[in-house]
């Protein structure tokens, strides 16, 4: 499996933290030197290991925000 190169451009915030110290974070990340995308996934405390996640373009994030704003919690 090829190495995945990533650079966290901006740490936006975290949603939760597991008992092991991993945090579910929203970050702006450049994957393999490509245009940065918004990324939601679990990260180890040192950001060297990651869990599965989802990446979103700015437009997709805007659409998600509109959907979330319609949900009554």
PDB file of N, CA and C in Angstrom:
ATOM      1  N   UNK A   1       0.850  -1.187   0.000  1.00  0.00           N
ATOM      2  CA  UNK A   1       0.000   0.000   0.000  1.00  0.00           C
ATOM      3  C   UNK A   1       0.890   1.243   0.000  1.00  0.00           C
ATOM      4  N   UNK A   2       0.583   2.178  -0.835  1.00  0.00           N
ATOM      5  CA  UNK A   2       1.373   3.400  -0.952  1.00  0.00           C
ATOM      6  C   UNK A   2       1.163   4.287   0.275  1.00  0.00           C
ATOM      7  N   UNK A   3       2.220   5.016   0.617  1.00  0.00           N
ATOM      8  CA  UNK A   3       2.107   5.958   1.722  1.00  0.00           C
ATOM      9  C   UNK A   3       1.186   7.101   1.326  1.00  0.00           C
ATOM     10  N   UNK A   4       0.417   7.551   2.296  1.00  0.00           N
ATOM     11  CA  UNK A   4      -0.464   8.691   2.081  1.00  0.00           C
ATOM     12  C   UNK A   4       0.200   9.899   2.718  1.00  0.00           C
ATOM     13  N   UNK A   5       0.399  10.930   1.913  1.00  0.00           N
ATOM     14  CA  UNK A   5       1.014  12.153   2.403  1.00  0.00           C
ATOM     15  C   UNK A   5      -0.103  13.127   2.771  1.00  0.00           C
ATOM     16  N   UNK A   6       0.024  13.754   3.931  1.00  0.00           N
ATOM     17  CA  UNK A   6      -0.985  14.731   4.330  1.00  0.00           C
ATOM     18  C   UNK A   6      -0.331  15.877   5.086  1.00  0.00           C
ATOM     19  N   UNK A   7      -0.972  17.024   4.994  1.00  0.00           N
ATOM     20  CA  UNK A   7      -0.538  18.195   5.753  1.00  0.00           C
ATOM     21  C   UNK A   7      -1.777  18.877   6.308  1.00  0.00           C
ATOM     22  N   UNK A   8      -1.833  18.971   7.621  1.00  0.00           N
ATOM     23  CA  UNK A   8      -2.948  19.662   8.271  1.00  0.00           C
ATOM     24  C   UNK A   8      -2.707  21.162   8.121  1.00  0.00           C
ATOM     25  N   UNK A   9      -3.536  21.805   7.322  1.00  0.00           N
ATOM     26  CA  UNK A   9      -3.394  23.241   7.067  1.00  0.00           C
ATOM     27  C   UNK A   9      -4.010  24.071   8.187  1.00  0.00           C
ATOM     28  N   UNK A  10      -5.130  23.563   8.751  1.00  0.00           N
ATOM     29  CA  UNK A  10      -5.824  24.288   9.810  1.00  0.00           C
ATOM     30  C   UNK A  10      -6.580  23.303  10.689  1.00  0.00           C
ATOM     31  N   UNK A  11      -6.363  23.393  12.000  1.00  0.00           N
ATOM     32  CA  UNK A  11      -7.121  22.596  12.958  1.00  0.00           C
ATOM     33  C   UNK A  11      -8.332  23.421  13.367  1.00  0.00           C
ATOM     34  N   UNK A  12      -9.508  23.021  12.890  1.00  0.00           N
ATOM     35  CA  UNK A  12     -10.720  23.815  13.091  1.00  0.00           C
ATOM     36  C   UNK A  12     -11.337  23.563  14.461  1.00  0.00           C
ATOM     37  N   UNK A  13     -11.423  22.295  14.858  1.00  0.00           N
ATOM     38  CA  UNK A  13     -11.982  21.991  16.169  1.00  0.00           C
ATOM     39  C   UNK A  13     -12.192  20.504  16.333  1.00  0.00           C
ATOM     40  N   UNK A  14     -12.511  20.108  17.575  1.00  0.00           N
ATOM     41  CA  UNK A  14     -12.776  18.693  17.787  1.00  0.00           C
ATOM     42  C   UNK A  14     -14.169  18.505  18.359  1.00  0.00           C
ATOM     43  N   UNK A  15     -14.738  17.339  18.067  1.00  0.00           N
ATOM     44  CA  UNK A  15     -16.121  17.029  18.442  1.00  0.00           C
ATOM     45  C   UNK A  15     -16.172  16.185  19.706  1.00  0.00           C
ATOM     46  N   UNK A  16     -15.263  15.232  19.818  1.00  0.00           N
ATOM     47  CA  UNK A  16     -15.258  14.350  20.985  1.00  0.00           C
ATOM     48  C   UNK A  16     -13.866  13.778  21.186  1.00  0.00           C
ATOM     49  N   UNK A  17     -13.678  13.156  22.361  1.00  0.00           N
ATOM     50  CA  UNK A  17     -12.411  12.508  22.674  1.00  0.00           C
ATOM     51  C   UNK A  17     -12.692  11.135  23.268  1.00  0.00           C
ATOM     52  N   UNK A  18     -11.975  10.127  22.798  1.00  0.00           N
ATOM     53  CA  UNK A  18     -12.144   8.766  23.295  1.00  0.00           C
ATOM     54  C   UNK A  18     -11.354   8.576  24.592  1.00  0.00           C
ATOM     55  N   UNK A  19     -11.656   7.517  25.333  1.00  0.00           N
ATOM     56  CA  UNK A  19     -10.886   7.245  26.551  1.00  0.00           C
ATOM     57  C   UNK A  19      -9.383   7.046  26.270  1.00  0.00           C
ATOM     58  N   UNK A  20      -9.034   6.639  25.036  1.00  0.00           N
ATOM     59  CA  UNK A  20      -7.620   6.454  24.674  1.00  0.00           C
ATOM     60  C   UNK A  20      -6.938   7.764  24.289  1.00  0.00           C
ATOM     61  N   UNK A  21      -7.685   8.859  24.255  1.00  0.00           N
ATOM     62  CA  UNK A  21      -7.098  10.153  23.925  1.00  0.00           C
ATOM     63  C   UNK A  21      -7.224  10.556  22.472  1.00  0.00           C
ATOM     64  N   UNK A  22      -7.798   9.682  21.636  1.00  0.00           N
ATOM     65  CA  UNK A  22      -8.001  10.044  20.234  1.00  0.00           C
ATOM     66  C   UNK A  22      -9.151  11.040  20.158  1.00  0.00           C
ATOM     67  N   UNK A  23      -9.019  12.022  19.251  1.00  0.00           N
ATOM     68  CA  UNK A  23     -10.062  13.038  19.094  1.00  0.00           C
ATOM     69  C   UNK A  23     -10.672  12.969  17.691  1.00  0.00           C
ATOM     70  N   UNK A  24     -11.994  13.130  17.653  1.00  0.00           N
ATOM     71  CA  UNK A  24     -12.700  13.267  16.376  1.00  0.00           C
ATOM     72  C   UNK A  24     -12.631  14.748  16.031  1.00  0.00           C
ATOM     73  N   UNK A  25     -11.899  15.067  14.956  1.00  0.00           N
ATOM     74  CA  UNK A  25     -11.583  16.449  14.626  1.00  0.00           C
ATOM     75  C   UNK A  25     -12.074  16.852  13.237  1.00  0.00           C
ATOM     76  N   UNK A  26     -12.383  18.134  13.119  1.00  0.00           N
ATOM     77  CA  UNK A  26     -12.623  18.742  11.805  1.00  0.00           C
ATOM     78  C   UNK A  26     -11.400  19.587  11.497  1.00  0.00           C
ATOM     79  N   UNK A  27     -10.723  19.248  10.403  1.00  0.00           N
ATOM     80  CA  UNK A  27      -9.504  19.950   9.999  1.00  0.00           C
ATOM     81  C   UNK A  27      -9.561  20.265   8.509  1.00  0.00           C
ATOM     82  N   UNK A  28      -8.733  21.175   8.091  1.00  0.00           N
ATOM     83  CA  UNK A  28      -8.521  21.444   6.669  1.00  0.00           C
ATOM     84  C   UNK A  28      -7.196  20.783   6.317  1.00  0.00           C
ATOM     85  N   UNK A  29      -7.252  19.769   5.418  1.00  0.00           N
ATOM     86  CA  UNK A  29      -6.077  18.944   5.139  1.00  0.00           C
ATOM     87  C   UNK A  29      -5.802  18.862   3.643  1.00  0.00           C
ATOM     88  N   UNK A  30      -4.529  18.945   3.306  1.00  0.00           N
ATOM     89  CA  UNK A  30      -4.075  18.683   1.942  1.00  0.00           C
ATOM     90  C   UNK A  30      -3.605  17.233   1.893  1.00  0.00           C
ATOM     91  N   UNK A  31      -4.260  16.432   1.057  1.00  0.00           N
ATOM     92  CA  UNK A  31      -3.889  15.024   0.893  1.00  0.00           C
ATOM     93  C   UNK A  31      -3.060  14.883  -0.369  1.00  0.00           C
ATOM     94  N   UNK A  32      -1.884  14.299  -0.259  1.00  0.00           N
ATOM     95  CA  UNK A  32      -1.000  14.045  -1.406  1.00  0.00           C
ATOM     96  C   UNK A  32      -0.755  15.301  -2.243  1.00  0.00           C
ATOM     97  N   UNK A  33      -0.500  16.420  -1.550  1.00  0.00           N
ATOM     98  CA  UNK A  33      -0.172  17.715  -2.180  1.00  0.00           C
ATOM     99  C   UNK A  33      -1.301  18.275  -3.041  1.00  0.00           C
ATOM    100  N   UNK A  34      -2.528  17.849  -2.810  1.00  0.00           N
ATOM    101  CA  UNK A  34      -3.667  18.372  -3.577  1.00  0.00           C
ATOM    102  C   UNK A  34      -4.335  19.509  -2.808  1.00  0.00           C
ATOM    103  N   UNK A  35      -5.324  20.111  -3.440  1.00  0.00           N
ATOM    104  CA  UNK A  35      -6.087  21.200  -2.837  1.00  0.00           C
ATOM    105  C   UNK A  35      -6.643  20.755  -1.486  1.00  0.00           C
ATOM    106  N   UNK A  36      -6.486  21.573  -0.444  1.00  0.00           N
ATOM    107  CA  UNK A  36      -6.992  21.182   0.879  1.00  0.00           C
ATOM    108  C   UNK A  36      -8.509  20.981   0.875  1.00  0.00           C
ATOM    109  N   UNK A  37      -8.950  20.013   1.678  1.00  0.00           N
ATOM    110  CA  UNK A  37     -10.373  19.720   1.851  1.00  0.00           C
ATOM    111  C   UNK A  37     -10.664  19.646   3.340  1.00  0.00           C
ATOM    112  N   UNK A  38     -11.935  19.833   3.664  1.00  0.00           N
ATOM    113  CA  UNK A  38     -12.368  19.687   5.045  1.00  0.00           C
ATOM    114  C   UNK A  38     -12.449  18.200   5.349  1.00  0.00           C
ATOM    115  N   UNK A  39     -11.987  17.831   6.531  1.00  0.00           N
ATOM    116  CA  UNK A  39     -11.818  16.424   6.861  1.00  0.00           C
ATOM    117  C   UNK A  39     -12.299  16.174   8.282  1.00  0.00           C
ATOM    118  N   UNK A  40     -13.137  15.155   8.443  1.00  0.00           N
ATOM    119  CA  UNK A  40     -13.652  14.775   9.753  1.00  0.00           C
ATOM    120  C   UNK A  40     -13.256  13.336  10.026  1.00  0.00           C
ATOM    121  N   UNK A  41     -12.419  13.111  11.059  1.00  0.00           N
ATOM    122  CA  UNK A  41     -11.971  11.765  11.403  1.00  0.00           C
ATOM    123  C   UNK A  41     -11.339  11.759  12.785  1.00  0.00           C
ATOM    124  N   UNK A  42     -11.087  10.549  13.297  1.00  0.00           N
ATOM    125  CA  UNK A  42     -10.390  10.373  14.570  1.00  0.00           C
ATOM    126  C   UNK A  42      -8.888  10.462  14.343  1.00  0.00           C
ATOM    127  N   UNK A  43      -8.203  11.128  15.284  1.00  0.00           N
ATOM    128  CA  UNK A  43      -6.749  11.281  15.234  1.00  0.00           C
ATOM    129  C   UNK A  43      -6.134  10.908  16.563  1.00  0.00           C
ATOM    130  N   UNK A  44      -4.963  10.279  16.500  1.00  0.00           N
ATOM    131  CA  UNK A  44      -4.190  10.021  17.714  1.00  0.00           C
ATOM    132  C   UNK A  44      -3.702  11.368  18.244  1.00  0.00           C
ATOM    133  N   UNK A  45      -3.308  11.418  19.525  1.00  0.00           N
ATOM    134  CA  UNK A  45      -2.877  12.694  20.101  1.00  0.00           C
ATOM    135  C   UNK A  45      -1.730  13.375  19.339  1.00  0.00           C
ATOM    136  N   UNK A  46      -0.834  12.600  18.733  1.00  0.00           N
ATOM    137  CA  UNK A  46       0.301  13.199  18.018  1.00  0.00           C
ATOM    138  C   UNK A  46       0.043  13.393  16.516  1.00  0.00           C
ATOM    139  N   UNK A  47      -1.171  13.115  16.062  1.00  0.00           N
ATOM    140  CA  UNK A  47      -1.563  13.241  14.649  1.00  0.00           C
ATOM    141  C   UNK A  47      -0.735  12.359  13.716  1.00  0.00           C
ATOM    142  N   UNK A  48      -0.174  11.274  14.241  1.00  0.00           N
ATOM    143  CA  UNK A  48       0.586  10.349  13.396  1.00  0.00           C
ATOM    144  C   UNK A  48      -0.273   9.180  12.917  1.00  0.00           C
ATOM    145  N   UNK A  49      -1.350   8.874  13.638  1.00  0.00           N
ATOM    146  CA  UNK A  49      -2.268   7.806  13.248  1.00  0.00           C
ATOM    147  C   UNK A  49      -3.658   8.391  13.129  1.00  0.00           C
ATOM    148  N   UNK A  50      -4.443   7.791  12.215  1.00  0.00           N
ATOM    149  CA  UNK A  50      -5.786   8.296  11.979  1.00  0.00           C
ATOM    150  C   UNK A  50      -6.756   7.149  11.764  1.00  0.00           C
ATOM    151  N   UNK A  51      -8.024   7.428  12.030  1.00  0.00           N
ATOM    152  CA  UNK A  51      -9.088   6.478  11.746  1.00  0.00           C
ATOM    153  C   UNK A  51      -9.726   6.808  10.406  1.00  0.00           C
ATOM    154  N   UNK A  52     -10.729   6.037  10.055  1.00  0.00           N
ATOM    155  CA  UNK A  52     -11.471   6.325   8.825  1.00  0.00           C
ATOM    156  C   UNK A  52     -12.225   7.627   8.997  1.00  0.00           C
ATOM    157  N   UNK A  53     -12.399   8.327   7.898  1.00  0.00           N
ATOM    158  CA  UNK A  53     -13.081   9.599   7.981  1.00  0.00           C
ATOM    159  C   UNK A  53     -13.747   9.963   6.676  1.00  0.00           C
ATOM    160  N   UNK A  54     -14.132  11.207   6.610  1.00  0.00           N
ATOM    161  CA  UNK A  54     -14.803  11.726   5.418  1.00  0.00           C
ATOM    162  C   UNK A  54     -14.175  13.073   5.061  1.00  0.00           C
ATOM    163  N   UNK A  55     -13.967  13.298   3.759  1.00  0.00           N
ATOM    164  CA  UNK A  55     -13.445  14.579   3.297  1.00  0.00           C
ATOM    165  C   UNK A  55     -14.521  15.278   2.487  1.00  0.00           C
ATOM    166  N   UNK A  56     -14.562  16.588   2.628  1.00  0.00           N
ATOM    167  CA  UNK A  56     -15.587  17.396   1.969  1.00  0.00           C
ATOM    168  C   UNK A  56     -14.963  18.630   1.336  1.00  0.00           C
ATOM    169  N   UNK A  57     -15.442  18.983   0.152  1.00  0.00           N
ATOM    170  CA  UNK A  57     -15.043  20.249  -0.452  1.00  0.00           C
ATOM    171  C   UNK A  57     -15.754  21.378   0.303  1.00  0.00           C
ATOM    172  N   UNK A  58     -15.370  22.591   0.029  1.00  0.00           N
ATOM    173  CA  UNK A  58     -16.037  23.742   0.656  1.00  0.00           C
ATOM    174  C   UNK A  58     -17.527  23.729   0.334  1.00  0.00           C
ATOM    175  N   UNK A  59     -17.878  23.443  -0.909  1.00  0.00           N
ATOM    176  CA  UNK A  59     -19.284  23.415  -1.323  1.00  0.00           C
ATOM    177  C   UNK A  59     -20.051  22.308  -0.599  1.00  0.00           C
ATOM    178  N   UNK A  60     -19.439  21.137  -0.473  1.00  0.00           N
ATOM    179  CA  UNK A  60     -20.089  20.037   0.243  1.00  0.00           C
ATOM    180  C   UNK A  60     -20.288  20.383   1.718  1.00  0.00           C
ATOM    181  N   UNK A  61     -19.298  21.047   2.319  1.00  0.00           N
ATOM    182  CA  UNK A  61     -19.418  21.446   3.719  1.00  0.00           C
ATOM    183  C   UNK A  61     -20.539  22.470   3.890  1.00  0.00           C
ATOM    184  N   UNK A  62     -20.652  23.396   2.945  1.00  0.00           N
ATOM    185  CA  UNK A  62     -21.744  24.375   2.992  1.00  0.00           C
ATOM    186  C   UNK A  62     -23.095  23.678   2.896  1.00  0.00           C
ATOM    187  N   UNK A  63     -23.211  22.689   2.017  1.00  0.00           N
ATOM    188  CA  UNK A  63     -24.469  21.942   1.891  1.00  0.00           C
ATOM    189  C   UNK A  63     -24.780  21.173   3.171  1.00  0.00           C
ATOM    190  N   UNK A  64     -23.767  20.566   3.775  1.00  0.00           N
ATOM    191  CA  UNK A  64     -23.952  19.851   5.031  1.00  0.00           C
ATOM    192  C   UNK A  64     -24.404  20.808   6.129  1.00  0.00           C
ATOM    193  N   UNK A  65     -23.820  21.985   6.172  1.00  0.00           N
ATOM    194  CA  UNK A  65     -24.210  22.975   7.177  1.00  0.00           C
ATOM    195  C   UNK A  65     -25.678  23.347   7.032  1.00  0.00           C
ATOM    196  N   UNK A  66     -26.127  23.531   5.794  1.00  0.00           N
ATOM    197  CA  UNK A  66     -27.543  23.849   5.558  1.00  0.00           C
ATOM    198  C   UNK A  66     -28.446  22.719   6.046  1.00  0.00           C
ATOM    199  N   UNK A  67     -28.053  21.484   5.790  1.00  0.00           N
ATOM    200  CA  UNK A  67     -28.834  20.337   6.245  1.00  0.00           C
ATOM    201  C   UNK A  67     -28.873  20.291   7.769  1.00  0.00           C
ATOM    202  N   UNK A  68     -27.718  20.471   8.403  1.00  0.00           N
ATOM    203  CA  UNK A  68     -27.655  20.421   9.869  1.00  0.00           C
ATOM    204  C   UNK A  68     -28.459  21.548  10.500  1.00  0.00           C
ATOM    205  N   UNK A  69     -28.488  22.711   9.870  1.00  0.00           N
ATOM    206  CA  UNK A  69     -29.255  23.835  10.399  1.00  0.00           C
ATOM    207  C   UNK A  69     -30.755  23.546  10.393  1.00  0.00           C
ATOM    208  N   UNK A  70     -31.206  22.616   9.548  1.00  0.00           N
ATOM    209  CA  UNK A  70     -32.627  22.277   9.476  1.00  0.00           C
ATOM    210  C   UNK A  70     -33.039  21.228  10.514  1.00  0.00           C
ATOM    211  N   UNK A  71     -32.061  20.605  11.144  1.00  0.00           N
ATOM    212  CA  UNK A  71     -32.353  19.557  12.128  1.00  0.00           C
ATOM    213  C   UNK A  71     -32.587  20.190  13.482  1.00  0.00           C
ATOM    214  N   UNK A  72     -33.694  19.797  14.141  1.00  0.00           N
ATOM    215  CA  UNK A  72     -33.942  20.259  15.483  1.00  0.00           C
ATOM    216  C   UNK A  72     -33.368  19.269  16.465  1.00  0.00           C
ATOM    217  N   UNK A  73     -32.453  19.731  17.280  1.00  0.00           N
ATOM    218  CA  UNK A  73     -31.816  18.842  18.266  1.00  0.00           C
ATOM    219  C   UNK A  73     -32.308  19.142  19.661  1.00  0.00           C
TER     220      UNK A  73
END
